[in-house]
All heavy atoms as atom14 arrays in JSON, in Angstrom:
{
  "sequence": "YFPYDNQPEQEICLLAMRRELTAWGWLLRPHTHRRIRNLRRQR",
  "atom14_mask": [
    [1, 1, 1, 1, 1, 1, 1, 1, 1, 1, 1, 1, 0, 0],
    [1, 1, 1, 1, 1, 1, 1, 1, 1, 1, 1, 0, 0, 0],
    [1, 1, 1, 1, 1, 1, 1, 0, 0, 0, 0, 0, 0, 0],
    [1, 1, 1, 1, 1, 1, 1, 1, 1, 1, 1, 1, 0, 0],
    [1, 1, 1, 1, 1, 1, 1, 1, 0, 0, 0, 0, 0, 0],
    [1, 1, 1, 1, 1, 1, 1, 1, 0, 0, 0, 0, 0, 0],
    [1, 1, 1, 1, 1, 1, 1, 1, 1, 0, 0, 0, 0, 0],
    [1, 1, 1, 1, 1, 1, 1, 0, 0, 0, 0, 0, 0, 0],
    [1, 1, 1, 1, 1, 1, 1, 1, 1, 0, 0, 0, 0, 0],
    [1, 1, 1, 1, 1, 1, 1, 1, 1, 0, 0, 0, 0, 0],
    [1, 1, 1, 1, 1, 1, 1, 1, 1, 0, 0, 0, 0, 0],
    [1, 1, 1, 1, 1, 1, 1, 1, 0, 0, 0, 0, 0, 0],
    [1, 1, 1, 1, 1, 1, 0, 0, 0, 0, 0, 0, 0, 0],
    [1, 1, 1, 1, 1, 1, 1, 1, 0, 0, 0, 0, 0, 0],
    [1, 1, 1, 1, 1, 1, 1, 1, 0, 0, 0, 0, 0, 0],
    [1, 1, 1, 1, 1, 0, 0, 0, 0, 0, 0, 0, 0, 0],
    [1, 1, 1, 1, 1, 1, 1, 1, 0, 0, 0, 0, 0, 0],
    [1, 1, 1, 1, 1, 1, 1, 1, 1, 1, 1, 0, 0, 0],
    [1, 1, 1, 1, 1, 1, 1, 1, 1, 1, 1, 0, 0, 0],
    [1, 1, 1, 1, 1, 1, 1, 1, 1, 0, 0, 0, 0, 0],
    [1, 1, 1, 1, 1, 1, 1, 1, 0, 0, 0, 0, 0, 0],
    [1, 1, 1, 1, 1, 1, 1, 0, 0, 0, 0, 0, 0, 0],
    [1, 1, 1, 1, 1, 0, 0, 0, 0, 0, 0, 0, 0, 0],
    [1, 1, 1, 1, 1, 1, 1, 1, 1, 1, 1, 1, 1, 1],
    [1, 1, 1, 1, 0, 0, 0, 0, 0, 0, 0, 0, 0, 0],
    [1, 1, 1, 1, 1, 1, 1, 1, 1, 1, 1, 1, 1, 1],
    [1, 1, 1, 1, 1, 1, 1, 1, 0, 0, 0, 0, 0, 0],
    [1, 1, 1, 1, 1, 1, 1, 1, 0, 0, 0, 0, 0, 0],
    [1, 1, 1, 1, 1, 1, 1, 1, 1, 1, 1, 0, 0, 0],
    [1, 1, 1, 1, 1, 1, 1, 0, 0, 0, 0, 0, 0, 0],
    [1, 1, 1, 1, 1, 1, 1, 1, 1, 1, 0, 0, 0, 0],
    [1, 1, 1, 1, 1, 1, 1, 0, 0, 0, 0, 0, 0, 0],
    [1, 1, 1, 1, 1, 1, 1, 1, 1, 1, 0, 0, 0, 0],
    [1, 1, 1, 1, 1, 1, 1, 1, 1, 1, 1, 0, 0, 0],
    [1, 1, 1, 1, 1, 1, 1, 1, 1, 1, 1, 0, 0, 0],
    [1, 1, 1, 1, 1, 1, 1, 1, 0, 0, 0, 0, 0, 0],
    [1, 1, 1, 1, 1, 1, 1, 1, 1, 1, 1, 0, 0, 0],
    [1, 1, 1, 1, 1, 1, 1, 1, 0, 0, 0, 0, 0, 0],
    [1, 1, 1, 1, 1, 1, 1, 1, 0, 0, 0, 0, 0, 0],
    [1, 1, 1, 1, 1, 1, 1, 1, 1, 1, 1, 0, 0, 0],
    [1, 1, 1, 1, 1, 1, 1, 1, 1, 1, 1, 0, 0, 0],
    [1, 1, 1, 1, 1, 1, 1, 1, 1, 0, 0, 0, 0, 0],
    [1, 1, 1, 1, 1, 1, 1, 1, 1, 1, 1, 0, 0, 0]
  ],
  "atom14_positions": [
    [[134.26, 51.15, 88.88], [132.93, 51.74, 88.97], [132.88, 52.92, 88.01], [133.52, 53.94, 88.22], [132.64, 52.19, 90.4], [131.26, 52.77, 90.57], [130.13, 51.98, 90.44], [131.1, 54.12, 90.87], [128.86, 52.5, 90.6], [129.83, 54.66, 91.04], [128.72, 53.85, 90.91], [127.47, 54.38, 91.06], [0.0, 0.0, 0.0], [0.0, 0.0, 0.0]],
    [[132.12, 52.76, 86.92], [132.09, 53.78, 85.88], [130.64, 54.06, 85.48], [130.1, 53.46, 84.55], [132.89, 53.32, 84.65], [134.32, 52.94, 84.96], [134.71, 51.62, 84.94], [135.25, 53.92, 85.28], [136.03, 51.26, 85.23], [136.56, 53.58, 85.57], [136.95, 52.24, 85.55], [0.0, 0.0, 0.0], [0.0, 0.0, 0.0], [0.0, 0.0, 0.0]],
    [[129.96, 54.95, 86.19], [128.56, 55.27, 85.88], [128.44, 56.18, 84.65], [129.35, 56.93, 84.32], [128.07, 55.99, 87.13], [129.31, 56.64, 87.68], [130.44, 55.7, 87.37], [0.0, 0.0, 0.0], [0.0, 0.0, 0.0], [0.0, 0.0, 0.0], [0.0, 0.0, 0.0], [0.0, 0.0, 0.0], [0.0, 0.0, 0.0], [0.0, 0.0, 0.0]],
    [[127.29, 56.07, 83.98], [127.02, 56.89, 82.79], [125.69, 57.62, 82.96], [124.71, 57.06, 83.46], [126.95, 56.01, 81.54], [128.27, 55.42, 81.13], [128.69, 54.2, 81.65], [129.09, 56.06, 80.22], [129.9, 53.64, 81.27], [130.31, 55.52, 79.83], [130.71, 54.31, 80.37], [131.91, 53.77, 80.0], [0.0, 0.0, 0.0], [0.0, 0.0, 0.0]],
    [[125.68, 58.85, 82.52], [124.45, 59.65, 82.53], [123.88, 59.67, 81.12], [124.0, 60.65, 80.4], [124.76, 61.07, 83.01], [123.57, 62.01, 82.83], [122.43, 61.51, 82.88], [123.79, 63.21, 82.62], [0.0, 0.0, 0.0], [0.0, 0.0, 0.0], [0.0, 0.0, 0.0], [0.0, 0.0, 0.0], [0.0, 0.0, 0.0], [0.0, 0.0, 0.0]],
    [[123.29, 58.56, 80.7], [122.74, 58.51, 79.35], [121.38, 57.83, 79.29], [120.91, 57.47, 78.2], [123.71, 57.78, 78.4], [123.99, 56.36, 78.86], [123.44, 55.88, 79.85], [124.85, 55.67, 78.13], [0.0, 0.0, 0.0], [0.0, 0.0, 0.0], [0.0, 0.0, 0.0], [0.0, 0.0, 0.0], [0.0, 0.0, 0.0], [0.0, 0.0, 0.0]],
    [[120.73, 57.64, 80.44], [119.44, 56.97, 80.45], [118.38, 57.72, 79.65], [117.64, 57.11, 78.88], [118.97, 56.76, 81.89], [117.71, 55.92, 82.02], [117.9, 54.51, 81.5], [118.98, 53.95, 81.62], [116.85, 53.94, 80.93], [0.0, 0.0, 0.0], [0.0, 0.0, 0.0], [0.0, 0.0, 0.0], [0.0, 0.0, 0.0], [0.0, 0.0, 0.0]],
    [[118.27, 59.06, 79.78], [117.27, 59.77, 78.96], [117.52, 59.6, 77.47], [116.58, 59.45, 76.68], [117.44, 61.23, 79.4], [117.99, 61.15, 80.77], [118.91, 59.97, 80.76], [0.0, 0.0, 0.0], [0.0, 0.0, 0.0], [0.0, 0.0, 0.0], [0.0, 0.0, 0.0], [0.0, 0.0, 0.0], [0.0, 0.0, 0.0], [0.0, 0.0, 0.0]],
    [[118.78, 59.63, 77.05], [119.1, 59.47, 75.64], [118.79, 58.05, 75.16], [118.36, 57.87, 74.01], [120.58, 59.8, 75.39], [120.91, 61.27, 75.39], [120.84, 61.9, 76.76], [121.0, 61.16, 77.77], [120.61, 63.13, 76.87], [0.0, 0.0, 0.0], [0.0, 0.0, 0.0], [0.0, 0.0, 0.0], [0.0, 0.0, 0.0], [0.0, 0.0, 0.0]],
    [[119.0, 57.07, 76.03], [118.64, 55.7, 75.66], [117.13, 55.58, 75.46], [116.68, 54.94, 74.5], [119.09, 54.73, 76.76], [120.59, 54.51, 76.82], [120.96, 53.41, 77.8], [120.26, 52.42, 77.94], [122.07, 53.6, 78.5], [0.0, 0.0, 0.0], [0.0, 0.0, 0.0], [0.0, 0.0, 0.0], [0.0, 0.0, 0.0], [0.0, 0.0, 0.0]],
    [[116.35, 56.18, 76.35], [114.9, 56.11, 76.23], [114.42, 56.82, 74.96], [113.5, 56.34, 74.28], [114.26, 56.73, 77.47], [114.52, 55.93, 78.74], [113.98, 56.61, 79.98], [113.47, 57.76, 79.84], [114.07, 56.02, 81.07], [0.0, 0.0, 0.0], [0.0, 0.0, 0.0], [0.0, 0.0, 0.0], [0.0, 0.0, 0.0], [0.0, 0.0, 0.0]],
    [[115.03, 57.95, 74.62], [114.66, 58.67, 73.41], [115.0, 57.84, 72.18], [114.21, 57.75, 71.22], [115.36, 60.04, 73.36], [114.74, 60.99, 74.38], [115.28, 60.65, 71.96], [115.45, 62.32, 74.49], [0.0, 0.0, 0.0], [0.0, 0.0, 0.0], [0.0, 0.0, 0.0], [0.0, 0.0, 0.0], [0.0, 0.0, 0.0], [0.0, 0.0, 0.0]],
    [[116.17, 57.22, 72.19], [116.58, 56.4, 71.06], [115.64, 55.2, 70.89], [115.24, 54.87, 69.76], [118.02, 55.93, 71.27], [118.76, 55.14, 69.82], [0.0, 0.0, 0.0], [0.0, 0.0, 0.0], [0.0, 0.0, 0.0], [0.0, 0.0, 0.0], [0.0, 0.0, 0.0], [0.0, 0.0, 0.0], [0.0, 0.0, 0.0], [0.0, 0.0, 0.0]],
    [[115.28, 54.56, 71.98], [114.35, 53.43, 71.91], [112.98, 53.87, 71.42], [112.32, 53.15, 70.66], [114.23, 52.77, 73.28], [115.44, 51.94, 73.73], [115.27, 51.52, 75.19], [115.6, 50.71, 72.85], [0.0, 0.0, 0.0], [0.0, 0.0, 0.0], [0.0, 0.0, 0.0], [0.0, 0.0, 0.0], [0.0, 0.0, 0.0], [0.0, 0.0, 0.0]],
    [[112.54, 55.06, 71.84], [111.27, 55.59, 71.38], [111.29, 55.77, 69.86], [110.35, 55.37, 69.16], [110.97, 56.92, 72.07], [109.78, 57.72, 71.52], [108.48, 56.97, 71.76], [109.73, 59.12, 72.15], [0.0, 0.0, 0.0], [0.0, 0.0, 0.0], [0.0, 0.0, 0.0], [0.0, 0.0, 0.0], [0.0, 0.0, 0.0], [0.0, 0.0, 0.0]],
    [[112.34, 56.39, 69.34], [112.45, 56.6, 67.9], [112.48, 55.27, 67.16], [111.84, 55.12, 66.11], [113.71, 57.4, 67.59], [0.0, 0.0, 0.0], [0.0, 0.0, 0.0], [0.0, 0.0, 0.0], [0.0, 0.0, 0.0], [0.0, 0.0, 0.0], [0.0, 0.0, 0.0], [0.0, 0.0, 0.0], [0.0, 0.0, 0.0], [0.0, 0.0, 0.0]],
    [[113.19, 54.29, 67.69], [113.27, 52.98, 67.03], [111.93, 52.27, 67.05], [111.52, 51.68, 66.03], [114.34, 52.13, 67.72], [115.76, 52.61, 67.48], [116.98, 51.63, 68.4], [118.51, 52.31, 67.74], [0.0, 0.0, 0.0], [0.0, 0.0, 0.0], [0.0, 0.0, 0.0], [0.0, 0.0, 0.0], [0.0, 0.0, 0.0], [0.0, 0.0, 0.0]],
    [[111.23, 52.3, 68.18], [109.94, 51.62, 68.26], [108.94, 52.22, 67.29], [108.19, 51.5, 66.61], [109.4, 51.68, 69.69], [110.07, 50.71, 70.65], [109.25, 50.58, 71.92], [109.15, 51.85, 72.62], [109.95, 52.23, 73.59], [110.94, 51.45, 73.98], [109.78, 53.39, 74.19], [0.0, 0.0, 0.0], [0.0, 0.0, 0.0], [0.0, 0.0, 0.0]],
    [[108.91, 53.54, 67.19], [107.97, 54.19, 66.28], [108.34, 53.92, 64.82], [107.46, 53.79, 63.97], [107.91, 55.69, 66.56], [107.28, 56.02, 67.9], [107.36, 57.51, 68.2], [106.52, 58.3, 67.33], [105.23, 58.57, 67.56], [104.63, 58.1, 68.64], [104.54, 59.32, 66.72], [0.0, 0.0, 0.0], [0.0, 0.0, 0.0], [0.0, 0.0, 0.0]],
    [[109.62, 53.83, 64.55], [110.06, 53.55, 63.18], [109.68, 52.13, 62.76], [109.47, 51.86, 61.57], [111.57, 53.74, 63.07], [112.12, 53.63, 61.67], [111.69, 54.77, 60.75], [111.38, 55.87, 61.25], [111.66, 54.54, 59.51], [0.0, 0.0, 0.0], [0.0, 0.0, 0.0], [0.0, 0.0, 0.0], [0.0, 0.0, 0.0], [0.0, 0.0, 0.0]],
    [[109.58, 51.21, 63.71], [109.26, 49.82, 63.4], [107.77, 49.59, 63.14], [107.4, 48.5, 62.7], [109.71, 48.91, 64.55], [111.23, 48.72, 64.7], [111.53, 47.92, 65.96], [111.82, 48.04, 63.48], [0.0, 0.0, 0.0], [0.0, 0.0, 0.0], [0.0, 0.0, 0.0], [0.0, 0.0, 0.0], [0.0, 0.0, 0.0], [0.0, 0.0, 0.0]],
    [[106.93, 50.58, 63.4], [105.51, 50.41, 63.12], [105.26, 50.44, 61.62], [106.12, 50.85, 60.83], [104.69, 51.53, 63.8], [105.1, 52.8, 63.28], [104.9, 51.51, 65.31], [0.0, 0.0, 0.0], [0.0, 0.0, 0.0], [0.0, 0.0, 0.0], [0.0, 0.0, 0.0], [0.0, 0.0, 0.0], [0.0, 0.0, 0.0], [0.0, 0.0, 0.0]],
    [[104.07, 50.01, 61.23], [103.74, 49.94, 59.8], [103.81, 51.3, 59.12], [104.13, 51.4, 57.94], [102.35, 49.32, 59.63], [0.0, 0.0, 0.0], [0.0, 0.0, 0.0], [0.0, 0.0, 0.0], [0.0, 0.0, 0.0], [0.0, 0.0, 0.0], [0.0, 0.0, 0.0], [0.0, 0.0, 0.0], [0.0, 0.0, 0.0], [0.0, 0.0, 0.0]],
    [[103.48, 52.36, 59.87], [103.46, 53.71, 59.29], [104.54, 54.58, 59.92], [104.37, 55.78, 60.09], [102.08, 54.35, 59.49], [100.96, 53.48, 59.02], [100.08, 52.78, 59.78], [100.62, 53.19, 57.66], [99.21, 52.07, 59.0], [99.52, 52.31, 57.69], [101.14, 53.6, 56.41], [98.93, 51.82, 56.52], [100.56, 53.11, 55.26], [99.46, 52.23, 55.32]],
    [[105.67, 53.97, 60.24], [106.74, 54.7, 60.89], [107.24, 55.89, 60.09], [107.54, 56.95, 60.65], [0.0, 0.0, 0.0], [0.0, 0.0, 0.0], [0.0, 0.0, 0.0], [0.0, 0.0, 0.0], [0.0, 0.0, 0.0], [0.0, 0.0, 0.0], [0.0, 0.0, 0.0], [0.0, 0.0, 0.0], [0.0, 0.0, 0.0], [0.0, 0.0, 0.0]],
    [[107.31, 55.73, 58.77], [107.82, 56.83, 57.93], [106.86, 58.02, 57.94], [107.3, 59.17, 57.78], [108.03, 56.34, 56.51], [106.8, 55.78, 55.87], [106.27, 54.54, 56.05], [105.93, 56.45, 54.94], [105.12, 54.38, 55.3], [104.9, 55.54, 54.6], [105.94, 57.72, 54.37], [103.89, 55.87, 53.72], [104.92, 58.05, 53.48], [103.91, 57.13, 53.17]],
    [[105.56, 57.77, 58.15], [104.61, 58.87, 58.25], [104.66, 59.54, 59.62], [104.29, 60.7, 59.77], [103.19, 58.36, 57.99], [102.84, 58.0, 56.54], [101.44, 57.41, 56.47], [102.93, 59.24, 55.64], [0.0, 0.0, 0.0], [0.0, 0.0, 0.0], [0.0, 0.0, 0.0], [0.0, 0.0, 0.0], [0.0, 0.0, 0.0], [0.0, 0.0, 0.0]],
    [[105.11, 58.79, 60.62], [105.16, 59.31, 61.99], [106.42, 60.12, 62.27], [106.53, 60.71, 63.35], [105.08, 58.16, 62.99], [103.79, 57.33, 63.0], [103.94, 56.15, 63.95], [102.59, 58.18, 63.38], [0.0, 0.0, 0.0], [0.0, 0.0, 0.0], [0.0, 0.0, 0.0], [0.0, 0.0, 0.0], [0.0, 0.0, 0.0], [0.0, 0.0, 0.0]],
    [[107.36, 60.15, 61.34], [108.65, 60.79, 61.62], [108.53, 62.25, 62.03], [109.19, 62.67, 62.99], [109.56, 60.65, 60.4], [110.08, 59.24, 60.2], [110.84, 59.08, 58.91], [111.18, 57.68, 58.65], [111.7, 57.24, 57.52], [111.93, 58.1, 56.53], [111.97, 55.96, 57.37], [0.0, 0.0, 0.0], [0.0, 0.0, 0.0], [0.0, 0.0, 0.0]],
    [[107.72, 63.08, 61.37], [107.61, 64.48, 61.84], [107.1, 64.56, 63.28], [107.63, 65.35, 64.08], [106.61, 65.1, 60.86], [106.73, 64.27, 59.62], [106.97, 62.88, 60.1], [0.0, 0.0, 0.0], [0.0, 0.0, 0.0], [0.0, 0.0, 0.0], [0.0, 0.0, 0.0], [0.0, 0.0, 0.0], [0.0, 0.0, 0.0], [0.0, 0.0, 0.0]],
    [[106.09, 63.76, 63.61], [105.58, 63.78, 64.98], [106.62, 63.23, 65.95], [106.78, 63.74, 67.07], [104.29, 62.96, 65.07], [103.69, 62.92, 66.44], [103.96, 61.91, 67.34], [102.85, 63.79, 67.08], [103.31, 62.13, 68.47], [102.62, 63.26, 68.34], [0.0, 0.0, 0.0], [0.0, 0.0, 0.0], [0.0, 0.0, 0.0], [0.0, 0.0, 0.0]],
    [[107.34, 62.18, 65.54], [108.39, 61.62, 66.39], [109.48, 62.66, 66.65], [109.98, 62.78, 67.77], [109.01, 60.39, 65.71], [107.98, 59.41, 65.47], [110.07, 59.76, 66.6], [0.0, 0.0, 0.0], [0.0, 0.0, 0.0], [0.0, 0.0, 0.0], [0.0, 0.0, 0.0], [0.0, 0.0, 0.0], [0.0, 0.0, 0.0], [0.0, 0.0, 0.0]],
    [[109.83, 63.4, 65.61], [110.86, 64.43, 65.75], [110.42, 65.49, 66.76], [111.21, 65.9, 67.62], [111.14, 65.08, 64.4], [112.13, 66.2, 64.47], [113.48, 66.01, 64.67], [111.96, 67.55, 64.38], [114.09, 67.17, 64.71], [113.2, 68.12, 64.53], [0.0, 0.0, 0.0], [0.0, 0.0, 0.0], [0.0, 0.0, 0.0], [0.0, 0.0, 0.0]],
    [[109.18, 65.93, 66.69], [108.68, 66.94, 67.63], [108.64, 66.39, 69.06], [108.99, 67.09, 70.01], [107.28, 67.42, 67.2], [107.27, 68.24, 65.93], [105.93, 68.93, 65.72], [104.86, 67.96, 65.55], [104.48, 67.47, 64.37], [105.1, 67.86, 63.27], [103.48, 66.61, 64.28], [0.0, 0.0, 0.0], [0.0, 0.0, 0.0], [0.0, 0.0, 0.0]],
    [[108.23, 65.14, 69.19], [108.16, 64.54, 70.52], [109.55, 64.4, 71.13], [109.75, 64.7, 72.32], [107.49, 63.17, 70.42], [107.25, 62.51, 71.77], [106.42, 61.27, 71.62], [106.26, 60.56, 72.88], [105.6, 59.44, 73.03], [105.0, 58.89, 71.98], [105.51, 58.85, 74.2], [0.0, 0.0, 0.0], [0.0, 0.0, 0.0], [0.0, 0.0, 0.0]],
    [[110.51, 64.0, 70.32], [111.88, 63.87, 70.82], [112.44, 65.22, 71.2], [113.14, 65.37, 72.22], [112.75, 63.18, 69.76], [112.38, 61.7, 69.64], [114.24, 63.33, 70.09], [113.12, 60.97, 68.55], [0.0, 0.0, 0.0], [0.0, 0.0, 0.0], [0.0, 0.0, 0.0], [0.0, 0.0, 0.0], [0.0, 0.0, 0.0], [0.0, 0.0, 0.0]],
    [[112.15, 66.23, 70.39], [112.64, 67.58, 70.7], [112.09, 68.07, 72.03], [112.83, 68.66, 72.84], [112.23, 68.53, 69.58], [112.75, 69.96, 69.73], [112.39, 70.76, 68.5], [110.96, 70.72, 68.26], [110.4, 71.16, 67.12], [111.15, 71.62, 66.14], [109.09, 71.09, 66.97], [0.0, 0.0, 0.0], [0.0, 0.0, 0.0], [0.0, 0.0, 0.0]],
    [[110.83, 67.78, 72.31], [110.25, 68.17, 73.6], [110.89, 67.41, 74.75], [111.13, 67.97, 75.83], [108.74, 67.93, 73.58], [108.01, 68.87, 72.65], [108.48, 69.98, 72.38], [106.87, 68.44, 72.14], [0.0, 0.0, 0.0], [0.0, 0.0, 0.0], [0.0, 0.0, 0.0], [0.0, 0.0, 0.0], [0.0, 0.0, 0.0], [0.0, 0.0, 0.0]],
    [[111.17, 66.13, 74.54], [111.82, 65.34, 75.59], [113.22, 65.85, 75.88], [113.67, 65.86, 77.03], [111.86, 63.87, 75.18], [110.53, 63.12, 75.16], [110.7, 61.72, 74.59], [109.93, 63.06, 76.56], [0.0, 0.0, 0.0], [0.0, 0.0, 0.0], [0.0, 0.0, 0.0], [0.0, 0.0, 0.0], [0.0, 0.0, 0.0], [0.0, 0.0, 0.0]],
    [[113.93, 66.28, 74.84], [115.27, 66.83, 75.05], [115.19, 68.11, 75.88], [116.05, 68.36, 76.73], [115.93, 67.11, 73.7], [116.34, 65.85, 72.92], [117.29, 66.21, 71.79], [117.61, 65.07, 70.95], [117.18, 64.92, 69.72], [116.4, 65.83, 69.16], [117.52, 63.85, 69.01], [0.0, 0.0, 0.0], [0.0, 0.0, 0.0], [0.0, 0.0, 0.0]],
    [[114.19, 68.93, 75.61], [114.05, 70.17, 76.36], [113.73, 69.91, 77.83], [114.13, 70.69, 78.71], [112.94, 71.02, 75.74], [113.3, 71.59, 74.36], [112.09, 72.29, 73.77], [112.4, 72.88, 72.47], [111.48, 73.45, 71.66], [110.22, 73.5, 72.06], [111.85, 73.94, 70.5], [0.0, 0.0, 0.0], [0.0, 0.0, 0.0], [0.0, 0.0, 0.0]],
    [[113.01, 68.82, 78.1], [112.61, 68.51, 79.47], [113.7, 67.8, 80.25], [113.55, 67.56, 81.45], [111.35, 67.63, 79.44], [110.14, 68.32, 78.83], [108.98, 67.37, 78.62], [109.01, 66.22, 79.06], [107.95, 67.83, 77.94], [0.0, 0.0, 0.0], [0.0, 0.0, 0.0], [0.0, 0.0, 0.0], [0.0, 0.0, 0.0], [0.0, 0.0, 0.0]],
    [[114.79, 67.46, 79.6], [115.85, 66.7, 80.27], [116.46, 67.53, 81.39], [116.87, 68.68, 81.18], [116.94, 66.3, 79.29], [117.92, 65.27, 79.86], [119.13, 65.14, 78.94], [119.91, 63.95, 79.2], [120.74, 63.78, 80.22], [120.89, 64.77, 81.11], [121.41, 62.67, 80.37], [0.0, 0.0, 0.0], [0.0, 0.0, 0.0], [0.0, 0.0, 0.0]]
  ]
}
């Protein structure tokens, strides 16, 4: 039994990947960075 505390980091990583896969992902990077930074603070 080996539990991991990485669910928030997985969700953040998936968020960054999903936004990068959009047609304008490269334009969204600054906003994605700010959103991820806020999510890290709320962890």
